[in-house]
C-alpha cells in the first residue's frame, strides 16, 4: 500500500459538507478514487470500442484472441532465450 499526503483547497461550504458526510475519511476517499478510476477506465473502453466500430474492424473470436496471446507469449519466450 502507498501512503500519500494530499492537500486540497476547497470552498468552506464544500469542505464542511464533505466532512459532515464523512467523505474526507481515508476509507471514503479510497472508495471515491476507486470509483473514479473505474469510471474513467470504462469510458476509455467505450471510446476504444466506438473507434473500432467506426473503423469497421471485425471483432476477434475467442479462438483468434487465444491464438494471438499464444503467439505473443511464444515470441516473448524466444526473445528471452536470445
N, C-alpha and C. Protein backbone atom coordinates (compact mmCIF):
# COMPACT_ATOMS: atom_id res chain seq x y z
N UNK A 1 0.85 -1.17 0.00
CA UNK A 1 0.00 0.00 0.00
C UNK A 1 0.89 1.23 0.00
N UNK A 2 0.49 2.24 -0.75
CA UNK A 2 1.21 3.50 -0.83
C UNK A 2 0.49 4.55 0.01
N UNK A 3 1.25 5.32 0.76
CA UNK A 3 0.69 6.40 1.56
C UNK A 3 0.98 7.72 0.86
N UNK A 4 -0.07 8.52 0.65
CA UNK A 4 0.07 9.82 0.02
C UNK A 4 -0.47 10.90 0.95
N UNK A 5 0.21 12.01 0.99
CA UNK A 5 -0.30 13.18 1.71
C UNK A 5 -0.86 14.11 0.65
N UNK A 6 -2.15 14.38 0.74
CA UNK A 6 -2.83 15.21 -0.24
C UNK A 6 -3.34 16.47 0.43
N UNK A 7 -3.13 17.59 -0.24
CA UNK A 7 -3.63 18.86 0.27
C UNK A 7 -4.64 19.38 -0.74
N UNK A 8 -5.85 19.68 -0.26
CA UNK A 8 -6.92 20.18 -1.12
C UNK A 8 -7.30 21.59 -0.71
N UNK A 9 -7.63 22.40 -1.68
CA UNK A 9 -8.19 23.73 -1.43
C UNK A 9 -9.65 23.66 -1.86
N UNK A 10 -10.55 23.72 -0.88
CA UNK A 10 -11.98 23.61 -1.15
C UNK A 10 -12.69 24.82 -0.58
N UNK A 11 -13.80 25.21 -1.20
CA UNK A 11 -14.62 26.23 -0.57
C UNK A 11 -15.07 25.72 0.80
N UNK A 12 -15.18 26.62 1.76
CA UNK A 12 -15.52 26.20 3.13
C UNK A 12 -16.82 25.41 3.19
N UNK A 13 -17.81 25.82 2.42
CA UNK A 13 -19.10 25.11 2.47
C UNK A 13 -18.96 23.69 1.96
N UNK A 14 -18.18 23.49 0.90
CA UNK A 14 -17.97 22.14 0.38
C UNK A 14 -17.17 21.30 1.36
N UNK A 15 -16.12 21.87 1.93
CA UNK A 15 -15.31 21.16 2.91
C UNK A 15 -16.14 20.75 4.12
N UNK A 16 -16.98 21.64 4.58
CA UNK A 16 -17.81 21.35 5.75
C UNK A 16 -18.81 20.23 5.43
N UNK A 17 -19.45 20.32 4.28
CA UNK A 17 -20.43 19.29 3.90
C UNK A 17 -19.76 17.94 3.68
N UNK A 18 -18.61 17.94 3.02
CA UNK A 18 -17.87 16.69 2.79
C UNK A 18 -17.46 16.07 4.12
N UNK A 19 -16.99 16.89 5.05
CA UNK A 19 -16.61 16.38 6.37
C UNK A 19 -17.82 15.85 7.11
N UNK A 20 -18.94 16.57 7.05
CA UNK A 20 -20.17 16.14 7.73
C UNK A 20 -20.64 14.79 7.20
N UNK A 21 -20.46 14.58 5.90
CA UNK A 21 -20.89 13.32 5.28
C UNK A 21 -19.83 12.21 5.41
N UNK A 22 -18.70 12.54 5.99
CA UNK A 22 -17.64 11.55 6.17
C UNK A 22 -16.83 11.28 4.93
N UNK A 23 -16.98 12.11 3.91
CA UNK A 23 -16.28 11.88 2.65
C UNK A 23 -14.78 12.12 2.73
N UNK A 24 -14.33 12.84 3.75
CA UNK A 24 -12.91 13.12 3.87
C UNK A 24 -12.16 12.06 4.67
N UNK A 25 -12.87 11.06 5.14
CA UNK A 25 -12.24 9.95 5.86
C UNK A 25 -11.46 9.10 4.85
N UNK A 26 -10.28 8.58 5.25
CA UNK A 26 -9.45 7.84 4.32
C UNK A 26 -10.17 6.72 3.57
N UNK A 27 -10.97 5.92 4.26
CA UNK A 27 -11.65 4.81 3.57
C UNK A 27 -12.66 5.32 2.55
N UNK A 28 -13.31 6.45 2.84
CA UNK A 28 -14.26 7.01 1.88
C UNK A 28 -13.56 7.66 0.70
N UNK A 29 -12.42 8.30 0.95
CA UNK A 29 -11.63 8.85 -0.15
C UNK A 29 -11.12 7.74 -1.05
N UNK A 30 -10.69 6.62 -0.45
CA UNK A 30 -10.26 5.45 -1.24
C UNK A 30 -11.40 4.98 -2.15
N UNK A 31 -12.61 4.88 -1.60
CA UNK A 31 -13.76 4.43 -2.38
C UNK A 31 -14.09 5.41 -3.50
N UNK A 32 -14.03 6.70 -3.21
CA UNK A 32 -14.29 7.71 -4.23
C UNK A 32 -13.27 7.62 -5.36
N UNK A 33 -11.99 7.47 -5.01
CA UNK A 33 -10.95 7.36 -6.03
C UNK A 33 -11.10 6.08 -6.84
N UNK A 34 -11.41 4.97 -6.17
CA UNK A 34 -11.60 3.70 -6.87
C UNK A 34 -12.76 3.82 -7.86
N UNK A 35 -13.85 4.46 -7.45
CA UNK A 35 -14.99 4.66 -8.35
C UNK A 35 -14.60 5.52 -9.54
N UNK A 36 -13.84 6.58 -9.29
CA UNK A 36 -13.42 7.48 -10.37
C UNK A 36 -12.52 6.74 -11.35
N UNK A 37 -11.60 5.94 -10.85
CA UNK A 37 -10.70 5.17 -11.72
C UNK A 37 -11.53 4.20 -12.56
N UNK A 38 -12.44 3.48 -11.95
CA UNK A 38 -13.28 2.52 -12.66
C UNK A 38 -14.11 3.23 -13.74
N UNK A 39 -14.68 4.37 -13.40
CA UNK A 39 -15.50 5.13 -14.35
C UNK A 39 -14.67 5.57 -15.56
N UNK A 40 -13.47 6.06 -15.29
CA UNK A 40 -12.61 6.51 -16.40
C UNK A 40 -12.14 5.35 -17.25
N UNK A 41 -11.83 4.21 -16.64
CA UNK A 41 -11.44 3.03 -17.43
C UNK A 41 -12.57 2.59 -18.34
N UNK A 42 -13.79 2.56 -17.81
CA UNK A 42 -14.94 2.17 -18.62
C UNK A 42 -15.18 3.16 -19.75
N UNK A 43 -14.99 4.44 -19.49
CA UNK A 43 -15.15 5.45 -20.54
C UNK A 43 -14.11 5.26 -21.63
N UNK A 44 -12.85 4.98 -21.25
CA UNK A 44 -11.81 4.74 -22.26
C UNK A 44 -12.12 3.49 -23.07
N UNK A 45 -12.64 2.46 -22.41
CA UNK A 45 -13.01 1.23 -23.12
C UNK A 45 -14.14 1.52 -24.12
N UNK A 46 -15.13 2.29 -23.70
CA UNK A 46 -16.24 2.64 -24.59
C UNK A 46 -15.74 3.45 -25.79
N UNK A 47 -14.80 4.37 -25.54
CA UNK A 47 -14.23 5.17 -26.63
C UNK A 47 -13.47 4.27 -27.61
N UNK A 48 -12.71 3.32 -27.08
CA UNK A 48 -11.96 2.40 -27.94
C UNK A 48 -12.92 1.56 -28.77
N UNK A 49 -13.97 1.07 -28.15
CA UNK A 49 -14.97 0.28 -28.89
C UNK A 49 -15.60 1.11 -29.99
N UNK A 50 -15.90 2.36 -29.71
CA UNK A 50 -16.50 3.24 -30.71
C UNK A 50 -15.54 3.46 -31.89
N UNK A 51 -14.25 3.66 -31.58
CA UNK A 51 -13.25 3.84 -32.66
C UNK A 51 -13.12 2.57 -33.49
N UNK A 52 -13.14 1.42 -32.85
CA UNK A 52 -13.04 0.14 -33.57
C UNK A 52 -14.25 -0.05 -34.47
N UNK A 53 -15.43 0.23 -33.94
CA UNK A 53 -16.66 0.11 -34.73
C UNK A 53 -16.63 1.07 -35.91
N UNK A 54 -16.22 2.31 -35.66
CA UNK A 54 -16.17 3.33 -36.72
C UNK A 54 -15.18 2.93 -37.81
N UNK A 55 -14.12 2.24 -37.42
CA UNK A 55 -13.10 1.81 -38.39
C UNK A 55 -13.54 0.58 -39.17
N UNK A 56 -14.65 -0.03 -38.75
CA UNK A 56 -15.15 -1.21 -39.45
C UNK A 56 -14.36 -2.47 -39.18
N UNK A 57 -13.66 -2.50 -38.07
CA UNK A 57 -12.85 -3.67 -37.71
C UNK A 57 -13.76 -4.73 -37.10
N UNK A 58 -13.69 -5.92 -37.64
CA UNK A 58 -14.50 -7.03 -37.12
C UNK A 58 -13.91 -7.52 -35.80
N UNK A 59 -14.78 -7.85 -34.84
CA UNK A 59 -14.26 -8.37 -33.57
C UNK A 59 -13.62 -9.75 -33.77
N UNK A 60 -12.63 -10.04 -32.93
CA UNK A 60 -11.96 -11.34 -32.98
C UNK A 60 -12.77 -12.36 -32.20
N UNK A 61 -12.70 -13.60 -32.64
CA UNK A 61 -13.33 -14.68 -31.87
C UNK A 61 -12.42 -15.03 -30.70
N UNK A 62 -12.94 -15.77 -29.74
CA UNK A 62 -12.11 -16.18 -28.60
C UNK A 62 -10.93 -17.01 -29.08
N UNK A 63 -11.15 -17.85 -30.09
CA UNK A 63 -10.05 -18.66 -30.63
C UNK A 63 -8.96 -17.78 -31.23
N UNK A 64 -9.36 -16.72 -31.94
CA UNK A 64 -8.37 -15.80 -32.51
C UNK A 64 -7.61 -15.06 -31.42
N UNK A 65 -8.32 -14.64 -30.39
CA UNK A 65 -7.68 -13.94 -29.27
C UNK A 65 -6.68 -14.86 -28.59
N UNK A 66 -7.09 -16.10 -28.32
CA UNK A 66 -6.19 -17.07 -27.67
C UNK A 66 -4.98 -17.35 -28.55
N UNK A 67 -5.17 -17.44 -29.86
CA UNK A 67 -4.04 -17.67 -30.77
C UNK A 67 -3.08 -16.50 -30.75
N UNK A 68 -3.60 -15.28 -30.71
CA UNK A 68 -2.74 -14.09 -30.65
C UNK A 68 -1.94 -14.06 -29.35
N UNK A 69 -2.60 -14.39 -28.26
CA UNK A 69 -1.92 -14.42 -26.96
C UNK A 69 -0.82 -15.47 -26.97
N UNK A 70 -1.13 -16.66 -27.47
CA UNK A 70 -0.14 -17.74 -27.53
C UNK A 70 1.04 -17.34 -28.40
N UNK A 71 0.77 -16.71 -29.54
CA UNK A 71 1.85 -16.27 -30.43
C UNK A 71 2.72 -15.22 -29.75
N UNK A 72 2.11 -14.29 -29.04
CA UNK A 72 2.87 -13.26 -28.35
C UNK A 72 3.74 -13.86 -27.24
N UNK A 73 3.16 -14.78 -26.48
CA UNK A 73 3.94 -15.43 -25.42
C UNK A 73 5.11 -16.21 -25.99
N UNK A 74 4.88 -16.91 -27.10
CA UNK A 74 5.96 -17.68 -27.73
C UNK A 74 7.07 -16.73 -28.21
N UNK A 75 6.69 -15.59 -28.76
CA UNK A 75 7.67 -14.61 -29.22
C UNK A 75 8.47 -14.06 -28.04
N UNK A 76 7.80 -13.78 -26.93
CA UNK A 76 8.49 -13.29 -25.74
C UNK A 76 9.47 -14.33 -25.22
N UNK A 77 9.08 -15.59 -25.23
CA UNK A 77 9.97 -16.67 -24.77
C UNK A 77 11.18 -16.79 -25.68
N UNK A 78 10.97 -16.68 -27.01
CA UNK A 78 12.10 -16.74 -27.94
C UNK A 78 13.05 -15.57 -27.71
N UNK A 79 12.50 -14.39 -27.51
CA UNK A 79 13.33 -13.21 -27.28
C UNK A 79 14.10 -13.32 -25.96
N UNK A 80 13.50 -13.92 -24.94
CA UNK A 80 14.16 -14.06 -23.64
C UNK A 80 15.33 -15.04 -23.73
N UNK A 81 15.19 -16.03 -24.58
CA UNK A 81 16.28 -17.02 -24.75
C UNK A 81 17.43 -16.47 -25.57
N UNK A 82 17.16 -15.41 -26.32
CA UNK A 82 18.22 -14.79 -27.08
C UNK A 82 18.29 -15.26 -28.43
